Amino acid sequence: MEKLATTTRGQIEDLYTFGNVILVDENKTTVYEKGNGDEISFPRSSAKLMQALTPLSLGAKEKFNLSKEEIAIICASHSGEDFHIKTIRKLLKKTNLEESSLKCGPHYPFKEDVAERMKKEGISPLDIHNNCSGKHTGMLLACRIMGWSLEDYYKIDHPVQKLIIKNIERVCQCEIPLSHISVDGCGVPVHAMSMRDFAYGMARMADYENLEGFEGASKDIIEAITLNSKYTSGSDRIDHYLISRYPGKIIVKSGANGYFGGLLPDRKYGFAIKTYDGKGVMRNLILIELLKKLEVIPKKDYDYFDNLFTKEIKNHRNEIVGEVKLHL
């Protein structure tokens, strides 16, 4: 763990962001490392692409005639926008699943204007508004295909969760001991591993032609997210801004508590970022700096992203009083 960013106020260093960054290729060769890539962390929602491999490798695309938007939504940490909810409801209906089958717990949508509208109209959030409802729907699809029980699909000893763990281990080429498994915010198991192993798993997904058993599933995920990145995140999220601006060059998936995972499809690289202050705003700035360093973001686009995700620290009068300095 190293210092990745310093936040100043005036001339004084005020805050520090510590963490790790690791980038590897499809052979697990280190391309870039800052800090300790072997630290154990929970990828949280950055692992959703790997979790989605399970229903797709069981034939969910063919059995349920999944559209690319529907494949993208089962990989999503969505913002709860109308098109997200509509897509999940359509997917549940076409597979004869009830909305009540979702066990992810309710919360208001990430999209602030949608949440405010619901509050003004007196609409309470449902499980489908949870940012993880697409992932949970994907797990239910796997249960439908295999004939497994639906009511307890989220529990660690359920066959679908056991298969997800096994498949993540296969993709990342690592073992995940029981002591490294906990419970995510949406109630399903979350799996800790070294950041290097996770980055390697992402690189192997980029190299899907050689990902035995998951070739088609990984290809479908990359294509679906490339074409429908707002379904995997939201219309104002960093994931969508990057993927839609550089199609075929970058797939990123945000995770809670300062994690970010991604892959560079054309280079067959995978990466992981973890900030130990857990702040999404710092994680996003570090991601942008990494992508500048890798020339995924060209110099002509620096201002575009610097305006979207500013390094300036401002007071309530909108005066600049400090800045974030990055150390990649």
C-alpha atoms as a PDB file:
ATOM      1  CA  MET A   1       0.000   0.000   0.000  1.00  0.00           C
ATOM      2  CA  GLU A   2       1.456   3.336  -1.102  1.00  0.00           C
ATOM      3  CA  LYS A   3       0.402   6.955  -1.228  1.00  0.00           C
ATOM      4  CA  LEU A   4      -1.591   7.384  -4.436  1.00  0.00           C
ATOM      5  CA  ALA A   5      -2.844  10.941  -3.914  1.00  0.00           C
ATOM      6  CA  THR A   6      -2.331  14.009  -1.757  1.00  0.00           C
ATOM      7  CA  THR A   7      -5.057  16.587  -1.199  1.00  0.00           C
ATOM      8  CA  THR A   8      -3.876  20.095  -0.397  1.00  0.00           C
ATOM      9  CA  ARG A   9      -5.690  23.032   1.152  1.00  0.00           C
ATOM     10  CA  GLY A  10      -3.786  26.196   0.458  1.00  0.00           C
ATOM     11  CA  GLN A  11      -0.109  25.338   0.728  1.00  0.00           C
ATOM     12  CA  ILE A  12      -0.654  22.546   3.262  1.00  0.00           C
ATOM     13  CA  GLU A  13      -0.935  18.837   2.561  1.00  0.00           C
ATOM     14  CA  ASP A  14      -4.269  18.075   4.173  1.00  0.00           C
ATOM     15  CA  LEU A  15      -5.315  14.526   3.231  1.00  0.00           C
ATOM     16  CA  TYR A  16      -3.635  11.402   1.870  1.00  0.00           C
ATOM     17  CA  THR A  17      -5.093   8.528  -0.131  1.00  0.00           C
ATOM     18  CA  PHE A  18      -3.278   5.225   0.188  1.00  0.00           C
ATOM     19  CA  GLY A  19      -3.858   2.131  -1.874  1.00  0.00           C
ATOM     20  CA  ASN A  20      -2.640  -0.153  -4.630  1.00  0.00           C
ATOM     21  CA  VAL A  21      -2.786  -0.329  -8.412  1.00  0.00           C
ATOM     22  CA  ILE A  22      -1.912  -3.453 -10.400  1.00  0.00           C
ATOM     23  CA  LEU A  23      -2.043  -4.069 -14.158  1.00  0.00           C
ATOM     24  CA  VAL A  24      -1.165  -7.449 -15.697  1.00  0.00           C
ATOM     25  CA  ASP A  25      -1.383  -9.114 -19.099  1.00  0.00           C
ATOM     26  CA  GLU A  26      -3.005 -12.400 -20.079  1.00  0.00           C
ATOM     27  CA  ASN A  27       0.112 -14.269 -18.887  1.00  0.00           C
ATOM     28  CA  LYS A  28      -0.015 -12.566 -15.476  1.00  0.00           C
ATOM     29  CA  THR A  29       3.089 -10.556 -16.282  1.00  0.00           C
ATOM     30  CA  THR A  30       3.102  -7.264 -14.385  1.00  0.00           C
ATOM     31  CA  VAL A  31       2.740  -4.299 -16.730  1.00  0.00           C
ATOM     32  CA  TYR A  32       2.352  -1.641 -14.027  1.00  0.00           C
ATOM     33  CA  GLU A  33       2.265  -1.745 -10.236  1.00  0.00           C
ATOM     34  CA  LYS A  34       2.015   0.933  -7.586  1.00  0.00           C
ATOM     35  CA  GLY A  35       1.931  -0.355  -4.058  1.00  0.00           C
ATOM     36  CA  ASN A  36       1.415  -4.033  -3.307  1.00  0.00           C
ATOM     37  CA  GLY A  37      -0.613  -5.929  -5.892  1.00  0.00           C
ATOM     38  CA  ASP A  38      -0.646  -8.979  -3.639  1.00  0.00           C
ATOM     39  CA  GLU A  39      -2.760  -7.368  -0.929  1.00  0.00           C
ATOM     40  CA  ILE A  40      -6.037  -9.152  -0.259  1.00  0.00           C
ATOM     41  CA  SER A  41      -9.142  -7.065  -0.964  1.00  0.00           C
ATOM     42  CA  PHE A  42     -12.836  -7.504  -1.689  1.00  0.00           C
ATOM     43  CA  PRO A  43     -13.490  -6.549  -5.332  1.00  0.00           C
ATOM     44  CA  ARG A  44     -17.129  -5.955  -4.385  1.00  0.00           C
ATOM     45  CA  SER A  45     -19.166  -4.995  -7.464  1.00  0.00           C
ATOM     46  CA  SER A  46     -16.085  -5.015  -9.690  1.00  0.00           C
ATOM     47  CA  ALA A  47     -16.548  -8.802  -9.689  1.00  0.00           C
ATOM     48  CA  LYS A  48     -19.979  -8.654 -11.342  1.00  0.00           C
ATOM     49  CA  LEU A  49     -18.573  -9.455 -14.777  1.00  0.00           C
ATOM     50  CA  MET A  50     -17.103 -12.660 -13.358  1.00  0.00           C
ATOM     51  CA  GLN A  51     -20.323 -13.480 -11.508  1.00  0.00           C
ATOM     52  CA  ALA A  52     -22.282 -13.075 -14.746  1.00  0.00           C
ATOM     53  CA  LEU A  53     -20.147 -15.762 -16.381  1.00  0.00           C
ATOM     54  CA  THR A  54     -22.107 -18.400 -14.453  1.00  0.00           C
ATOM     55  CA  PRO A  55     -25.597 -17.890 -15.932  1.00  0.00           C
ATOM     56  CA  LEU A  56     -24.174 -17.208 -19.384  1.00  0.00           C
ATOM     57  CA  SER A  57     -21.925 -20.285 -19.380  1.00  0.00           C
ATOM     58  CA  LEU A  58     -24.993 -22.345 -18.404  1.00  0.00           C
ATOM     59  CA  GLY A  59     -26.734 -21.186 -21.578  1.00  0.00           C
ATOM     60  CA  ALA A  60     -28.899 -18.297 -20.298  1.00  0.00           C
ATOM     61  CA  LYS A  61     -28.363 -16.259 -23.485  1.00  0.00           C
ATOM     62  CA  GLU A  62     -29.726 -19.012 -25.702  1.00  0.00           C
ATOM     63  CA  LYS A  63     -32.440 -20.355 -23.376  1.00  0.00           C
ATOM     64  CA  PHE A  64     -33.942 -16.944 -22.613  1.00  0.00           C
ATOM     65  CA  ASN A  65     -32.988 -15.168 -25.860  1.00  0.00           C
ATOM     66  CA  LEU A  66     -31.130 -12.468 -23.949  1.00  0.00           C
ATOM     67  CA  SER A  67     -30.558  -9.153 -25.682  1.00  0.00           C
ATOM     68  CA  LYS A  68     -27.274  -7.305 -25.323  1.00  0.00           C
ATOM     69  CA  GLU A  69     -29.011  -4.837 -23.000  1.00  0.00           C
ATOM     70  CA  GLU A  70     -30.157  -7.723 -20.798  1.00  0.00           C
ATOM     71  CA  ILE A  71     -26.661  -9.217 -20.701  1.00  0.00           C
ATOM     72  CA  ALA A  72     -25.298  -5.805 -19.716  1.00  0.00           C
ATOM     73  CA  ILE A  73     -27.871  -5.397 -16.935  1.00  0.00           C
ATOM     74  CA  ILE A  74     -26.925  -8.674 -15.223  1.00  0.00           C
ATOM     75  CA  CYS A  75     -23.382  -7.237 -14.939  1.00  0.00           C
ATOM     76  CA  ALA A  76     -24.642  -3.929 -13.578  1.00  0.00           C
ATOM     77  CA  SER A  77     -24.347  -1.657 -10.608  1.00  0.00           C
ATOM     78  CA  HIS A  78     -27.121   0.380 -12.138  1.00  0.00           C
ATOM     79  CA  SER A  79     -28.317   3.839 -11.149  1.00  0.00           C
ATOM     80  CA  GLY A  80     -31.998   2.904 -10.979  1.00  0.00           C
ATOM     81  CA  GLU A  81     -32.971   4.963 -14.010  1.00  0.00           C
ATOM     82  CA  ASP A  82     -36.241   4.130 -15.746  1.00  0.00           C
ATOM     83  CA  PHE A  83     -34.582   2.145 -18.534  1.00  0.00           C
ATOM     84  CA  HIS A  84     -32.721   0.026 -15.957  1.00  0.00           C
ATOM     85  CA  ILE A  85     -35.895  -0.890 -14.087  1.00  0.00           C
ATOM     86  CA  LYS A  86     -37.831  -1.502 -17.304  1.00  0.00           C
ATOM     87  CA  THR A  87     -35.118  -3.846 -18.619  1.00  0.00           C
ATOM     88  CA  ILE A  88     -34.982  -5.914 -15.428  1.00  0.00           C
ATOM     89  CA  ARG A  89     -38.764  -6.179 -15.232  1.00  0.00           C
ATOM     90  CA  LYS A  90     -38.864  -7.337 -18.854  1.00  0.00           C
ATOM     91  CA  LEU A  91     -36.161  -9.905 -18.146  1.00  0.00           C
ATOM     92  CA  LEU A  92     -37.966 -11.235 -15.075  1.00  0.00           C
ATOM     93  CA  LYS A  93     -41.228 -11.491 -16.999  1.00  0.00           C
ATOM     94  CA  LYS A  94     -39.770 -13.344 -19.996  1.00  0.00           C
ATOM     95  CA  THR A  95     -38.222 -15.925 -17.649  1.00  0.00           C
ATOM     96  CA  ASN A  96     -41.384 -16.357 -15.529  1.00  0.00           C
ATOM     97  CA  LEU A  97     -39.750 -14.912 -12.434  1.00  0.00           C
ATOM     98  CA  GLU A  98     -41.558 -12.764  -9.918  1.00  0.00           C
ATOM     99  CA  GLU A  99     -40.115  -9.438  -8.816  1.00  0.00           C
ATOM    100  CA  SER A 100     -40.559 -10.686  -5.247  1.00  0.00           C
ATOM    101  CA  SER A 101     -37.926 -13.340  -5.989  1.00  0.00           C
ATOM    102  CA  LEU A 102     -35.225 -10.655  -5.733  1.00  0.00           C
ATOM    103  CA  LYS A 103     -33.529 -10.770  -2.319  1.00  0.00           C
ATOM    104  CA  CYS A 104     -31.062  -7.878  -2.693  1.00  0.00           C
ATOM    105  CA  GLY A 105     -32.863  -5.452  -0.371  1.00  0.00           C
ATOM    106  CA  PRO A 106     -34.312  -2.041  -1.296  1.00  0.00           C
ATOM    107  CA  HIS A 107     -32.568   1.309  -1.550  1.00  0.00           C
ATOM    108  CA  TYR A 108     -33.285   4.514  -3.429  1.00  0.00           C
ATOM    109  CA  PRO A 109     -31.665   4.759  -6.879  1.00  0.00           C
ATOM    110  CA  PHE A 110     -28.142   6.149  -7.193  1.00  0.00           C
ATOM    111  CA  LYS A 111     -29.433   8.685  -9.733  1.00  0.00           C
ATOM    112  CA  GLU A 112     -30.268  11.628  -7.514  1.00  0.00           C
ATOM    113  CA  ASP A 113     -33.052  13.125  -9.609  1.00  0.00           C
ATOM    114  CA  VAL A 114     -34.791   9.739  -9.838  1.00  0.00           C
ATOM    115  CA  ALA A 115     -34.511   9.258  -6.080  1.00  0.00           C
ATOM    116  CA  GLU A 116     -35.839  12.764  -5.403  1.00  0.00           C
ATOM    117  CA  ARG A 117     -38.760  12.213  -7.749  1.00  0.00           C
ATOM    118  CA  MET A 118     -39.670   8.977  -5.971  1.00  0.00           C
ATOM    119  CA  LYS A 119     -39.498  10.687  -2.585  1.00  0.00           C
ATOM    120  CA  LYS A 120     -41.686  13.586  -3.740  1.00  0.00           C
ATOM    121  CA  GLU A 121     -44.235  11.131  -5.137  1.00  0.00           C
ATOM    122  CA  GLY A 122     -44.166   9.042  -1.963  1.00  0.00           C
ATOM    123  CA  ILE A 123     -42.793   5.976  -3.739  1.00  0.00           C
ATOM    124  CA  SER A 124     -40.796   3.661  -1.495  1.00  0.00           C
ATOM    125  CA  PRO A 125     -37.885   1.812  -3.094  1.00  0.00           C
ATOM    126  CA  LEU A 126     -38.188  -1.890  -3.846  1.00  0.00           C
ATOM    127  CA  ASP A 127     -35.544  -4.566  -4.266  1.00  0.00           C
ATOM    128  CA  ILE A 128     -35.597  -3.937  -8.023  1.00  0.00           C
ATOM    129  CA  HIS A 129     -34.282  -0.397  -7.370  1.00  0.00           C
ATOM    130  CA  ASN A 130     -31.194  -1.878  -5.677  1.00  0.00           C
ATOM    131  CA  ASN A 131     -28.161  -1.321  -7.897  1.00  0.00           C
ATOM    132  CA  CYS A 132     -27.473  -5.064  -7.725  1.00  0.00           C
ATOM    133  CA  SER A 133     -30.914  -6.244  -8.890  1.00  0.00           C
ATOM    134  CA  GLY A 134     -29.543  -7.104 -12.336  1.00  0.00           C
ATOM    135  CA  LYS A 135     -26.842  -9.313 -10.834  1.00  0.00           C
ATOM    136  CA  HIS A 136     -29.425 -11.039  -8.669  1.00  0.00           C
ATOM    137  CA  THR A 137     -31.615 -11.604 -11.718  1.00  0.00           C
ATOM    138  CA  GLY A 138     -28.671 -13.293 -13.416  1.00  0.00           C
ATOM    139  CA  MET A 139     -28.284 -15.611 -10.427  1.00  0.00           C
ATOM    140  CA  LEU A 140     -31.991 -16.455 -10.631  1.00  0.00           C
ATOM    141  CA  LEU A 141     -31.598 -17.272 -14.340  1.00  0.00           C
ATOM    142  CA  ALA A 142     -28.918 -19.809 -13.426  1.00  0.00           C
ATOM    143  CA  CYS A 143     -31.256 -21.323 -10.830  1.00  0.00           C
ATOM    144  CA  ARG A 144     -34.051 -21.567 -13.411  1.00  0.00           C
ATOM    145  CA  ILE A 145     -31.784 -23.407 -15.842  1.00  0.00           C
ATOM    146  CA  MET A 146     -30.489 -25.857 -13.217  1.00  0.00           C
ATOM    147  CA  GLY A 147     -33.774 -26.344 -11.380  1.00  0.00           C
ATOM    148  CA  TRP A 148     -32.358 -25.000  -8.123  1.00  0.00           C
ATOM    149  CA  SER A 149     -34.447 -23.355  -5.415  1.00  0.00           C
ATOM    150  CA  LEU A 150     -35.163 -19.653  -5.846  1.00  0.00           C
ATOM    151  CA  GLU A 151     -35.995 -18.477  -2.349  1.00  0.00           C
ATOM    152  CA  ASP A 152     -32.512 -19.013  -0.867  1.00  0.00           C
ATOM    153  CA  TYR A 153     -30.306 -18.389  -3.931  1.00  0.00           C
ATOM    154  CA  TYR A 154     -28.360 -15.653  -2.099  1.00  0.00           C
ATOM    155  CA  LYS A 155     -26.975 -17.920   0.630  1.00  0.00           C
ATOM    156  CA  ILE A 156     -23.379 -19.092   0.569  1.00  0.00           C
ATOM    157  CA  ASP A 157     -24.300 -22.799   0.684  1.00  0.00           C
ATOM    158  CA  HIS A 158     -26.722 -22.536  -2.267  1.00  0.00           C
ATOM    159  CA  PRO A 159     -25.574 -24.381  -5.424  1.00  0.00           C
ATOM    160  CA  VAL A 160     -25.543 -21.200  -7.514  1.00  0.00           C
ATOM    161  CA  GLN A 161     -23.209 -19.436  -5.065  1.00  0.00           C
ATOM    162  CA  LYS A 162     -20.951 -22.478  -4.880  1.00  0.00           C
ATOM    163  CA  LEU A 163     -20.748 -22.559  -8.677  1.00  0.00           C
ATOM    164  CA  ILE A 164     -20.012 -18.824  -8.854  1.00  0.00           C
ATOM    165  CA  ILE A 165     -17.119 -19.256  -6.409  1.00  0.00           C
ATOM    166  CA  LYS A 166     -15.786 -22.229  -8.398  1.00  0.00           C
ATOM    167  CA  ASN A 167     -15.992 -20.276 -11.660  1.00  0.00           C
ATOM    168  CA  ILE A 168     -14.259 -17.192 -10.237  1.00  0.00           C
ATOM    169  CA  GLU A 169     -11.480 -19.455  -8.962  1.00  0.00           C
ATOM    170  CA  ARG A 170     -11.160 -20.946 -12.465  1.00  0.00           C
ATOM    171  CA  VAL A 171     -10.997 -17.562 -14.157  1.00  0.00           C
ATOM    172  CA  CYS A 172      -8.581 -15.997 -11.659  1.00  0.00           C
ATOM    173  CA  GLN A 173      -6.559 -19.207 -11.257  1.00  0.00           C
ATOM    174  CA  CYS A 174      -6.618 -18.963  -7.476  1.00  0.00           C
ATOM    175  CA  GLU A 175      -8.228 -20.545  -4.445  1.00  0.00           C
ATOM    176  CA  ILE A 176     -10.716 -18.583  -2.360  1.00  0.00           C
ATOM    177  CA  PRO A 177     -10.760 -20.024   1.182  1.00  0.00           C
ATOM    178  CA  LEU A 178     -13.898 -19.818   3.269  1.00  0.00           C
ATOM    179  CA  SER A 179     -12.176 -17.258   5.508  1.00  0.00           C
ATOM    180  CA  HIS A 180     -12.008 -14.902   2.484  1.00  0.00           C
ATOM    181  CA  ILE A 181     -15.753 -15.020   1.846  1.00  0.00           C
ATOM    182  CA  SER A 182     -18.108 -12.560   3.492  1.00  0.00           C
ATOM    183  CA  VAL A 183     -21.445 -10.917   2.686  1.00  0.00           C
ATOM    184  CA  ASP A 184     -21.820  -8.072   0.201  1.00  0.00           C
ATOM    185  CA  GLY A 185     -24.128  -5.099   0.624  1.00  0.00           C
ATOM    186  CA  CYS A 186     -26.836  -6.854  -1.403  1.00  0.00           C
ATOM    187  CA  GLY A 187     -26.711 -10.023   0.714  1.00  0.00           C
ATOM    188  CA  VAL A 188     -24.845 -12.452  -1.556  1.00  0.00           C
ATOM    189  CA  PRO A 189     -21.335 -13.788  -0.912  1.00  0.00           C
ATOM    190  CA  VAL A 190     -18.396 -11.502  -1.709  1.00  0.00           C
ATOM    191  CA  HIS A 191     -14.975 -13.000  -2.309  1.00  0.00           C
ATOM    192  CA  ALA A 192     -11.637 -11.531  -1.253  1.00  0.00           C
ATOM    193  CA  MET A 193      -8.486 -12.299  -3.224  1.00  0.00           C
ATOM    194  CA  SER A 194      -5.217 -10.664  -4.105  1.00  0.00           C
ATOM    195  CA  MET A 195      -5.562  -7.719  -6.426  1.00  0.00           C
ATOM    196  CA  ARG A 196      -3.087  -9.409  -8.755  1.00  0.00           C
ATOM    197  CA  ASP A 197      -5.287 -12.494  -9.035  1.00  0.00           C
ATOM    198  CA  PHE A 198      -8.343 -10.365  -9.713  1.00  0.00           C
ATOM    199  CA  ALA A 199      -6.523  -8.317 -12.375  1.00  0.00           C
ATOM    200  CA  TYR A 200      -5.362 -11.579 -13.948  1.00  0.00           C
ATOM    201  CA  GLY A 201      -8.958 -12.790 -14.090  1.00  0.00           C
ATOM    202  CA  MET A 202      -9.932  -9.622 -15.921  1.00  0.00           C
ATOM    203  CA  ALA A 203      -7.037 -10.060 -18.348  1.00  0.00           C
ATOM    204  CA  ARG A 204      -8.147 -13.648 -18.996  1.00  0.00           C
ATOM    205  CA  MET A 205     -11.666 -12.419 -19.746  1.00  0.00           C
ATOM    206  CA  ALA A 206     -10.132 -10.032 -22.299  1.00  0.00           C
ATOM    207  CA  ASP A 207      -8.296 -13.028 -23.769  1.00  0.00           C
ATOM    208  CA  TYR A 208     -11.595 -14.891 -24.040  1.00  0.00           C
ATOM    209  CA  GLU A 209     -10.506 -17.058 -26.999  1.00  0.00           C
ATOM    210  CA  ASN A 210      -8.273 -18.929 -24.542  1.00  0.00           C
ATOM    211  CA  LEU A 211     -10.641 -18.870 -21.557  1.00  0.00           C
ATOM    212  CA  GLU A 212     -11.714 -22.493 -21.751  1.00  0.00           C
ATOM    213  CA  GLY A 213     -15.339 -23.009 -20.795  1.00  0.00           C
ATOM    214  CA  PHE A 214     -16.136 -19.297 -20.790  1.00  0.00           C
ATOM    215  CA  GLU A 215     -15.128 -18.208 -24.300  1.00  0.00           C
ATOM    216  CA  GLY A 216     -18.618 -17.321 -25.501  1.00  0.00           C
ATOM    217  CA  ALA A 217     -19.807 -15.945 -22.172  1.00  0.00           C
ATOM    218  CA  SER A 218     -16.846 -13.592 -21.796  1.00  0.00           C
ATOM    219  CA  LYS A 219     -17.109 -12.424 -25.402  1.00  0.00           C
ATOM    220  CA  ASP A 220     -20.824 -11.722 -24.934  1.00  0.00           C
ATOM    221  CA  ILE A 221     -20.179  -9.734 -21.748  1.00  0.00           C
ATOM    222  CA  ILE A 222     -17.499  -7.562 -23.360  1.00  0.00           C
ATOM    223  CA  GLU A 223     -19.619  -6.912 -26.451  1.00  0.00           C
ATOM    224  CA  ALA A 224     -22.771  -6.191 -24.444  1.00  0.00           C
ATOM    225  CA  ILE A 225     -21.086  -3.718 -22.102  1.00  0.00           C
ATOM    226  CA  THR A 226     -19.216  -2.027 -24.951  1.00  0.00           C
ATOM    227  CA  LEU A 227     -22.513  -1.317 -26.715  1.00  0.00           C
ATOM    228  CA  ASN A 228     -24.627  -0.656 -23.621  1.00  0.00           C
ATOM    229  CA  SER A 229     -22.388   0.795 -20.931  1.00  0.00           C
ATOM    230  CA  LYS A 230     -25.149   2.969 -19.484  1.00  0.00           C
ATOM    231  CA  TYR A 231     -27.067  -0.229 -18.687  1.00  0.00           C
ATOM    232  CA  THR A 232     -24.134  -1.507 -16.633  1.00  0.00           C
ATOM    233  CA  SER A 233     -23.756   1.756 -14.719  1.00  0.00           C
ATOM    234  CA  GLY A 234     -25.800   4.839 -15.543  1.00  0.00           C
ATOM    235  CA  SER A 235     -26.095   7.809 -17.862  1.00  0.00           C
ATOM    236  CA  ASP A 236     -23.864  10.006 -15.656  1.00  0.00           C
ATOM    237  CA  ARG A 237     -21.363   7.469 -14.308  1.00  0.00           C
ATOM    238  CA  ILE A 238     -17.634   7.233 -14.989  1.00  0.00           C
ATOM    239  CA  ASP A 239     -17.960   3.658 -16.294  1.00  0.00           C
ATOM    240  CA  HIS A 240     -20.292   4.828 -19.069  1.00  0.00           C
ATOM    241  CA  TYR A 241     -18.261   7.933 -19.907  1.00  0.00           C
ATOM    242  CA  LEU A 242     -15.105   5.866 -20.465  1.00  0.00           C
ATOM    243  CA  ILE A 243     -16.536   2.811 -22.204  1.00  0.00           C
ATOM    244  CA  SER A 244     -18.753   4.768 -24.591  1.00  0.00           C
ATOM    245  CA  ARG A 245     -15.949   7.185 -25.505  1.00  0.00           C
ATOM    246  CA  TYR A 246     -13.390   4.438 -26.200  1.00  0.00           C
ATOM    247  CA  PRO A 247     -15.337   1.398 -27.458  1.00  0.00           C
ATOM    248  CA  GLY A 248     -13.188  -1.692 -27.747  1.00  0.00           C
ATOM    249  CA  LYS A 249     -10.402  -0.041 -25.761  1.00  0.00           C
ATOM    250  CA  ILE A 250     -11.683  -0.197 -22.186  1.00  0.00           C
ATOM    251  CA  ILE A 251     -14.174  -2.030 -19.999  1.00  0.00           C
ATOM    252  CA  VAL A 252     -14.370  -0.805 -16.404  1.00  0.00           C
ATOM    253  CA  LYS A 253     -16.525  -1.885 -13.487  1.00  0.00           C
ATOM    254  CA  SER A 254     -16.752   0.174 -10.337  1.00  0.00           C
ATOM    255  CA  GLY A 255     -16.888  -1.468  -6.932  1.00  0.00           C
ATOM    256  CA  ALA A 256     -17.775  -0.235  -3.479  1.00  0.00           C
ATOM    257  CA  ASN A 257     -15.285   1.096  -0.919  1.00  0.00           C
ATOM    258  CA  GLY A 258     -12.655   2.342  -3.330  1.00  0.00           C
ATOM    259  CA  TYR A 259     -12.325  -0.640  -5.695  1.00  0.00           C
ATOM    260  CA  PHE A 260     -12.216  -0.435  -9.478  1.00  0.00           C
ATOM    261  CA  GLY A 261     -11.573  -3.282 -11.885  1.00  0.00           C
ATOM    262  CA  GLY A 262     -11.249  -3.294 -15.619  1.00  0.00           C
ATOM    263  CA  LEU A 263      -9.785  -4.751 -18.754  1.00  0.00           C
ATOM    264  CA  LEU A 264      -8.302  -3.438 -21.977  1.00  0.00           C
ATOM    265  CA  PRO A 265      -9.767  -5.773 -24.623  1.00  0.00           C
ATOM    266  CA  ASP A 266      -7.401  -4.840 -27.438  1.00  0.00           C
ATOM    267  CA  ARG A 267      -4.280  -5.316 -25.285  1.00  0.00           C
ATOM    268  CA  LYS A 268      -5.570  -8.225 -23.169  1.00  0.00           C
ATOM    269  CA  TYR A 269      -4.681  -6.388 -19.963  1.00  0.00           C
ATOM    270  CA  GLY A 270      -6.568  -6.522 -16.688  1.00  0.00           C
ATOM    271  CA  PHE A 271      -6.254  -4.150 -13.743  1.00  0.00           C
ATOM    272  CA  ALA A 272      -7.418  -3.484 -10.206  1.00  0.00           C
ATOM    273  CA  ILE A 273      -7.404  -0.303  -8.120  1.00  0.00           C
ATOM    274  CA  LYS A 274      -8.075  -0.083  -4.386  1.00  0.00           C
ATOM    275  CA  THR A 275      -8.089   3.084  -2.294  1.00  0.00           C
ATOM    276  CA  TYR A 276      -8.099   2.499   1.425  1.00  0.00           C
ATOM    277  CA  ASP A 277     -10.017   5.629   2.283  1.00  0.00           C
ATOM    278  CA  GLY A 278     -12.860   4.003   0.328  1.00  0.00           C
ATOM    279  CA  LYS A 279     -13.772   7.264  -1.402  1.00  0.00           C
ATOM    280  CA  GLY A 280     -15.204   6.877  -4.872  1.00  0.00           C
ATOM    281  CA  VAL A 281     -14.135  10.374  -5.921  1.00  0.00           C
ATOM    282  CA  MET A 282     -10.464   9.563  -5.239  1.00  0.00           C
ATOM    283  CA  ARG A 283     -10.744   6.136  -6.861  1.00  0.00           C
ATOM    284  CA  ASN A 284     -12.147   7.787 -10.001  1.00  0.00           C
ATOM    285  CA  LEU A 285      -9.314  10.329 -10.198  1.00  0.00           C
ATOM    286  CA  ILE A 286      -6.742   7.545  -9.839  1.00  0.00           C
ATOM    287  CA  LEU A 287      -8.465   5.514 -12.565  1.00  0.00           C
ATOM    288  CA  ILE A 288      -8.390   8.477 -14.947  1.00  0.00           C
ATOM    289  CA  GLU A 289      -4.709   9.084 -14.184  1.00  0.00           C
ATOM    290  CA  LEU A 290      -3.905   5.418 -14.858  1.00  0.00           C
ATOM    291  CA  LEU A 291      -5.744   5.506 -18.191  1.00  0.00           C
ATOM    292  CA  LYS A 292      -3.867   8.669 -19.161  1.00  0.00           C
ATOM    293  CA  LYS A 293      -0.603   6.909 -18.313  1.00  0.00           C
ATOM    294  CA  LEU A 294      -1.623   3.957 -20.512  1.00  0.00           C
ATOM    295  CA  GLU A 295      -2.675   6.358 -23.304  1.00  0.00           C
ATOM    296  CA  VAL A 296      -6.198   4.944 -23.309  1.00  0.00           C
ATOM    297  CA  ILE A 297      -7.249   8.544 -22.660  1.00  0.00           C
ATOM    298  CA  PRO A 298      -5.413  10.625 -25.298  1.00  0.00           C
ATOM    299  CA  LYS A 299      -4.098  14.096 -24.496  1.00  0.00           C
ATOM    300  CA  LYS A 300      -6.852  15.737 -26.543  1.00  0.00           C
ATOM    301  CA  ASP A 301      -9.385  14.374 -24.024  1.00  0.00           C
ATOM    302  CA  TYR A 302      -7.572  15.422 -20.850  1.00  0.00           C
ATOM    303  CA  ASP A 303      -9.684  18.553 -20.411  1.00  0.00           C
ATOM    304  CA  TYR A 304     -12.907  16.621 -21.001  1.00  0.00           C
ATOM    305  CA  PHE A 305     -12.246  14.240 -18.128  1.00  0.00           C
ATOM    306  CA  ASP A 306     -10.608  16.865 -15.913  1.00  0.00           C
ATOM    307  CA  ASN A 307     -13.808  18.892 -16.158  1.00  0.00           C
ATOM    308  CA  LEU A 308     -16.016  15.889 -15.415  1.00  0.00           C
ATOM    309  CA  PHE A 309     -13.846  14.722 -12.502  1.00  0.00           C
ATOM    310  CA  THR A 310     -12.026  17.745 -11.237  1.00  0.00           C
ATOM    311  CA  LYS A 311      -8.904  17.673  -9.086  1.00  0.00           C
ATOM    312  CA  GLU A 312      -9.746  21.135  -7.751  1.00  0.00           C
ATOM    313  CA  ILE A 313     -10.926  21.566  -4.160  1.00  0.00           C
ATOM    314  CA  LYS A 314     -13.555  24.308  -3.904  1.00  0.00           C
ATOM    315  CA  ASN A 315     -15.377  26.000  -1.067  1.00  0.00           C
ATOM    316  CA  HIS A 316     -19.091  26.825  -0.988  1.00  0.00           C
ATOM    317  CA  ARG A 317     -18.393  30.089  -2.821  1.00  0.00           C
ATOM    318  CA  ASN A 318     -17.004  27.997  -5.689  1.00  0.00           C
ATOM    319  CA  GLU A 319     -13.504  29.340  -5.043  1.00  0.00           C
ATOM    320  CA  ILE A 320     -10.522  27.041  -5.596  1.00  0.00           C
ATOM    321  CA  VAL A 321      -8.839  26.439  -2.228  1.00  0.00           C
ATOM    322  CA  GLY A 322      -6.766  23.331  -2.926  1.00  0.00           C
ATOM    323  CA  GLU A 323      -6.163  20.438  -5.286  1.00  0.00           C
ATOM    324  CA  VAL A 324      -5.619  16.700  -5.532  1.00  0.00           C
ATOM    325  CA  LYS A 325      -2.110  15.675  -6.577  1.00  0.00           C
ATOM    326  CA  LEU A 326      -1.779  12.160  -7.981  1.00  0.00           C
ATOM    327  CA  HIS A 327       1.298   9.969  -7.567  1.00  0.00           C
ATOM    328  CA  LEU A 328       1.036   7.279 -10.216  1.00  0.00           C
END
